Amino acid sequence: MPISTSVITGTVAHKHELSSATGGYLDEGLTGITGGIAGEVLTATATDIPEWASAGGTPLTFLDYFEQTVSSVSMDLSWSSLSFDDISSVYVYLNVEPAYDPTDIELQFSQGGSLITTSTYYSVWSGIGSRTPGNALAKDSWLIHEARDRKRVGGWVTISGATSLVTTADRRIMGGNSFVTDSAPAGSLTCLNNTTQTSPQTIDGVKLSCYNTGGSASAFEPGSYIVAFSRSTT
């Protein structure tokens, strides 16, 4: 700490405590340190001298959000196309209230600006609470939950796809898992697969829909919403 008196000048050990006698707190936005680039953080080292380094962890990137303002059978999200050479996963979070009972809640994804609607979706789930185990094979969407008694439904879906390094054709597919529960209480822990083959897999949107068991249209009530994030591979 520099000292300037009529007697001495120089430095003494200090802690930058609240008191000015020990240096005072460093001021945010004023006290600088050289080195580093935008986004880096100071990281402890074995010598106790911190150094600039990349921030830890792999950040999530916000993709899109939609909240229902009127009752409707579906909710759509879209974003610029992402390749699974560059991302590891897409996460879709949902909090919805079906208007009818019982209601199947289903999910589709989009590639090249178009929804995949072919019968290439496979869902196999374990039941929690009153939900019984089951499957929905070779359908036009993933079945992620069956809601009963118009209960509030919440959960998440993780979607992952093959990269360009996958050379076996029938492995160039999209997969994932979901965990969705309602206040019945009941829940579905579901394994997801889609056999559409692309190298690398890409994704540019999702569509969440609901149908009365039996195939007739249901609806999501106002206040229902979905949101999506991606996770980078770096």
Protein backbone atom coordinates (compact mmCIF):
# COMPACT_ATOMS: atom_id res chain seq x y z
CA MET A 1 0.00 0.00 0.00
CA PRO A 2 1.68 3.27 -1.01
CA ILE A 3 2.30 5.65 1.88
CA SER A 4 3.18 9.32 1.49
CA THR A 5 4.14 11.26 4.61
CA SER A 6 6.89 13.64 5.56
CA VAL A 7 8.69 10.70 7.13
CA ILE A 8 8.35 7.55 4.96
CA THR A 9 7.23 6.39 1.58
CA GLY A 10 6.86 2.82 0.39
CA THR A 11 4.52 -0.16 0.71
CA VAL A 12 3.23 -2.19 3.63
CA ALA A 13 1.21 -5.39 3.74
CA HIS A 14 -2.55 -4.80 3.57
CA LYS A 15 -5.77 -6.84 3.31
CA HIS A 16 -8.20 -4.48 1.60
CA GLU A 17 -10.63 -4.73 4.48
CA LEU A 18 -13.42 -2.20 4.95
CA SER A 19 -11.24 0.20 6.90
CA SER A 20 -9.13 2.59 4.85
CA ALA A 21 -6.27 1.84 7.27
CA THR A 22 -6.03 -1.62 5.66
CA GLY A 23 -6.66 -0.53 2.10
CA GLY A 24 -10.45 -0.39 1.85
CA TYR A 25 -12.57 -2.45 -0.51
CA LEU A 26 -11.67 -2.55 -4.20
CA ASP A 27 -14.15 -0.56 -6.30
CA GLU A 28 -16.13 -2.45 -8.92
CA GLY A 29 -15.57 -1.00 -12.38
CA LEU A 30 -12.62 1.11 -11.20
CA THR A 31 -9.95 -1.23 -9.87
CA GLY A 32 -8.29 -2.95 -12.81
CA ILE A 33 -6.07 -5.94 -13.44
CA THR A 34 -4.11 -6.53 -16.61
CA GLY A 35 -4.39 -9.57 -18.88
CA GLY A 36 -7.37 -11.76 -19.68
CA ILE A 37 -10.04 -11.50 -22.35
CA ALA A 38 -13.79 -10.98 -22.18
CA GLY A 39 -15.54 -13.94 -20.57
CA GLU A 40 -12.51 -15.23 -18.63
CA VAL A 41 -12.44 -15.42 -14.83
CA LEU A 42 -9.67 -15.28 -12.24
CA THR A 43 -8.82 -18.83 -11.16
CA ALA A 44 -6.80 -20.01 -8.14
CA THR A 45 -3.50 -21.78 -8.84
CA ALA A 46 -1.10 -23.92 -6.81
CA THR A 47 0.99 -20.81 -6.09
CA ASP A 48 -2.04 -18.93 -4.67
CA ILE A 49 -1.55 -16.36 -7.42
CA PRO A 50 -4.79 -16.25 -9.46
CA GLU A 51 -4.61 -16.33 -13.24
CA TRP A 52 -7.11 -15.63 -16.01
CA ALA A 53 -8.83 -18.77 -17.36
CA SER A 54 -11.95 -19.76 -19.27
CA ALA A 55 -15.10 -19.84 -17.15
CA GLY A 56 -15.83 -23.32 -15.84
CA GLY A 57 -18.72 -25.45 -17.08
CA THR A 58 -20.48 -25.58 -20.41
CA PRO A 59 -23.06 -22.78 -20.67
CA LEU A 60 -26.64 -23.14 -21.83
CA THR A 61 -27.81 -20.95 -24.71
CA PHE A 62 -31.39 -19.71 -24.72
CA LEU A 63 -33.23 -20.70 -27.92
CA ASP A 64 -36.91 -19.78 -27.66
CA TYR A 65 -39.89 -19.40 -25.30
CA PHE A 66 -43.64 -19.52 -25.78
CA GLU A 67 -46.50 -18.98 -23.32
CA GLN A 68 -50.10 -19.78 -24.16
CA THR A 69 -52.48 -16.81 -23.99
CA VAL A 70 -55.55 -18.62 -25.35
CA SER A 71 -56.46 -22.31 -25.32
CA SER A 72 -54.72 -24.10 -28.18
CA VAL A 73 -53.78 -27.65 -29.14
CA SER A 74 -50.06 -26.94 -29.62
CA MET A 75 -47.10 -24.70 -28.85
CA ASP A 76 -44.17 -24.18 -31.23
CA LEU A 77 -40.57 -23.09 -30.73
CA SER A 78 -38.09 -22.31 -33.51
CA TRP A 79 -34.47 -21.15 -33.87
CA SER A 80 -31.61 -21.10 -36.36
CA SER A 81 -30.55 -24.62 -37.30
CA LEU A 82 -28.11 -26.25 -34.88
CA SER A 83 -25.81 -29.17 -35.73
CA PHE A 84 -24.95 -31.86 -33.20
CA ASP A 85 -21.36 -31.41 -34.34
CA ASP A 86 -21.56 -28.14 -32.38
CA ILE A 87 -23.99 -28.91 -29.55
CA SER A 88 -24.38 -31.89 -27.27
CA SER A 89 -28.07 -31.52 -26.39
CA VAL A 90 -31.24 -29.46 -26.63
CA TYR A 91 -33.30 -29.11 -23.46
CA VAL A 92 -37.03 -28.42 -23.58
CA TYR A 93 -38.78 -27.47 -20.33
CA LEU A 94 -42.57 -27.49 -20.08
CA ASN A 95 -45.19 -26.35 -17.60
CA VAL A 96 -48.69 -26.90 -18.97
CA GLU A 97 -52.32 -27.45 -18.03
CA PRO A 98 -54.42 -29.62 -20.37
CA ALA A 99 -58.03 -28.56 -20.95
CA TYR A 100 -59.43 -32.10 -21.19
CA ASP A 101 -59.01 -35.47 -19.49
CA PRO A 102 -57.18 -37.69 -20.21
CA THR A 103 -54.66 -36.02 -22.52
CA ASP A 104 -51.61 -37.37 -24.32
CA ILE A 105 -48.76 -34.84 -24.40
CA GLU A 106 -46.58 -35.29 -27.48
CA LEU A 107 -43.42 -33.74 -28.93
CA GLN A 108 -42.02 -33.43 -32.45
CA PHE A 109 -38.81 -31.81 -33.66
CA SER A 110 -37.99 -29.83 -36.79
CA GLN A 111 -35.17 -30.12 -39.34
CA GLY A 112 -34.60 -27.84 -42.32
CA GLY A 113 -37.53 -25.68 -41.26
CA SER A 114 -40.04 -28.57 -41.37
CA LEU A 115 -41.43 -30.74 -38.63
CA ILE A 116 -40.59 -34.44 -38.76
CA THR A 117 -44.08 -35.96 -38.92
CA THR A 118 -43.30 -39.43 -40.26
CA SER A 119 -43.92 -42.56 -38.19
CA THR A 120 -40.33 -42.66 -36.97
CA TYR A 121 -40.83 -41.75 -33.30
CA TYR A 122 -40.41 -44.40 -30.58
CA SER A 123 -41.26 -43.87 -26.90
CA VAL A 124 -40.84 -46.39 -24.07
CA TRP A 125 -41.65 -45.28 -20.52
CA SER A 126 -41.63 -46.36 -16.91
CA GLY A 127 -44.55 -45.18 -14.82
CA ILE A 128 -44.43 -43.25 -11.56
CA GLY A 129 -47.39 -43.13 -9.20
CA SER A 130 -50.61 -44.04 -11.04
CA ARG A 131 -48.89 -44.01 -14.46
CA THR A 132 -48.45 -47.53 -15.89
CA PRO A 133 -45.41 -48.56 -18.01
CA GLY A 134 -45.90 -48.73 -21.76
CA ASN A 135 -44.68 -47.77 -25.20
CA ALA A 136 -45.70 -45.99 -28.40
CA LEU A 137 -43.73 -47.35 -31.36
CA ALA A 138 -43.42 -46.04 -34.93
CA LYS A 139 -45.66 -43.02 -34.25
CA ASP A 140 -45.65 -39.51 -35.72
CA SER A 141 -44.49 -37.92 -32.43
CA TRP A 142 -42.93 -38.78 -29.09
CA LEU A 143 -45.48 -39.52 -26.36
CA ILE A 144 -43.94 -38.02 -23.23
CA HIS A 145 -46.88 -38.21 -20.80
CA GLU A 146 -50.57 -39.00 -20.36
CA ALA A 147 -52.17 -36.41 -18.09
CA ARG A 148 -55.33 -37.27 -16.13
CA ASP A 149 -57.91 -35.18 -14.28
CA ARG A 150 -56.70 -31.95 -15.93
CA LYS A 151 -53.72 -31.80 -13.61
CA ARG A 152 -50.83 -29.36 -13.98
CA VAL A 153 -47.96 -31.01 -15.86
CA GLY A 154 -44.27 -30.12 -15.69
CA GLY A 155 -40.97 -31.62 -16.76
CA TRP A 156 -38.15 -31.63 -19.26
CA VAL A 157 -37.04 -33.35 -22.47
CA THR A 158 -33.40 -33.84 -23.50
CA ILE A 159 -32.74 -34.34 -27.22
CA SER A 160 -29.39 -35.56 -28.59
CA GLY A 161 -28.35 -36.46 -32.14
CA ALA A 162 -25.62 -38.21 -34.08
CA THR A 163 -22.56 -36.24 -35.21
CA SER A 164 -20.88 -36.44 -38.61
CA LEU A 165 -18.39 -38.95 -37.16
CA VAL A 166 -21.14 -41.59 -36.93
CA THR A 167 -20.64 -43.64 -40.11
CA THR A 168 -23.13 -46.50 -39.62
CA ALA A 169 -26.36 -45.45 -41.33
CA ASP A 170 -28.86 -46.87 -38.85
CA ARG A 171 -27.05 -45.11 -35.99
CA ARG A 172 -27.32 -41.65 -37.53
CA ILE A 173 -30.46 -40.99 -35.52
CA MET A 174 -31.96 -38.70 -32.89
CA GLY A 175 -32.58 -39.83 -29.34
CA GLY A 176 -33.21 -38.53 -25.88
CA ASN A 177 -35.16 -38.91 -22.67
CA SER A 178 -37.85 -37.10 -20.76
CA PHE A 179 -39.12 -36.83 -17.21
CA VAL A 180 -42.64 -35.42 -16.89
CA THR A 181 -44.91 -35.44 -13.85
CA ASP A 182 -48.35 -34.11 -12.91
CA SER A 183 -50.20 -33.38 -9.70
CA ALA A 184 -52.39 -36.50 -9.90
CA PRO A 185 -49.66 -37.55 -8.86
CA ALA A 186 -48.27 -39.49 -11.79
CA GLY A 187 -45.12 -39.34 -13.88
CA SER A 188 -43.41 -40.74 -16.97
CA LEU A 189 -39.69 -41.46 -17.33
CA THR A 190 -39.39 -41.99 -21.07
CA CYS A 191 -36.67 -43.16 -23.45
CA LEU A 192 -36.96 -41.49 -26.86
CA ASN A 193 -35.73 -42.49 -30.30
CA ASN A 194 -36.31 -41.29 -33.85
CA THR A 195 -35.02 -43.35 -36.77
CA THR A 196 -34.74 -40.50 -39.30
CA GLN A 197 -31.13 -40.77 -40.56
CA THR A 198 -29.05 -37.62 -41.03
CA SER A 199 -25.30 -36.95 -40.73
CA PRO A 200 -24.88 -34.88 -38.73
CA GLN A 201 -28.26 -34.55 -37.08
CA THR A 202 -29.64 -31.01 -36.92
CA ILE A 203 -32.53 -29.37 -35.11
CA ASP A 204 -34.26 -26.01 -35.56
CA GLY A 205 -37.45 -26.29 -33.52
CA VAL A 206 -39.93 -28.37 -31.54
CA LYS A 207 -43.71 -28.65 -31.33
CA LEU A 208 -45.57 -29.67 -28.17
CA SER A 209 -49.11 -30.96 -28.77
CA CYS A 210 -51.91 -32.53 -26.76
CA TYR A 211 -54.68 -34.92 -27.79
CA ASN A 212 -57.43 -36.63 -25.88
CA THR A 213 -56.69 -40.33 -25.55
CA GLY A 214 -58.42 -41.69 -28.62
CA GLY A 215 -57.07 -39.04 -30.98
CA SER A 216 -59.45 -36.09 -30.70
CA ALA A 217 -57.98 -32.62 -30.15
CA SER A 218 -57.39 -31.34 -26.64
CA ALA A 219 -55.88 -27.96 -25.70
CA PHE A 220 -53.32 -26.29 -23.48
CA GLU A 221 -54.84 -23.70 -21.16
CA PRO A 222 -53.57 -20.08 -20.96
CA GLY A 223 -50.47 -19.87 -18.76
CA SER A 224 -48.99 -23.05 -20.22
CA TYR A 225 -45.46 -22.52 -21.53
CA ILE A 226 -42.38 -24.19 -22.99
CA VAL A 227 -38.79 -22.98 -23.25
CA ALA A 228 -35.71 -24.45 -24.97
CA PHE A 229 -31.94 -24.21 -24.43
CA SER A 230 -28.94 -25.80 -26.13
CA ARG A 231 -25.66 -26.96 -24.60
CA SER A 232 -22.43 -26.40 -26.50
CA THR A 233 -19.80 -29.12 -26.92
CA THR A 234 -17.07 -26.69 -25.82
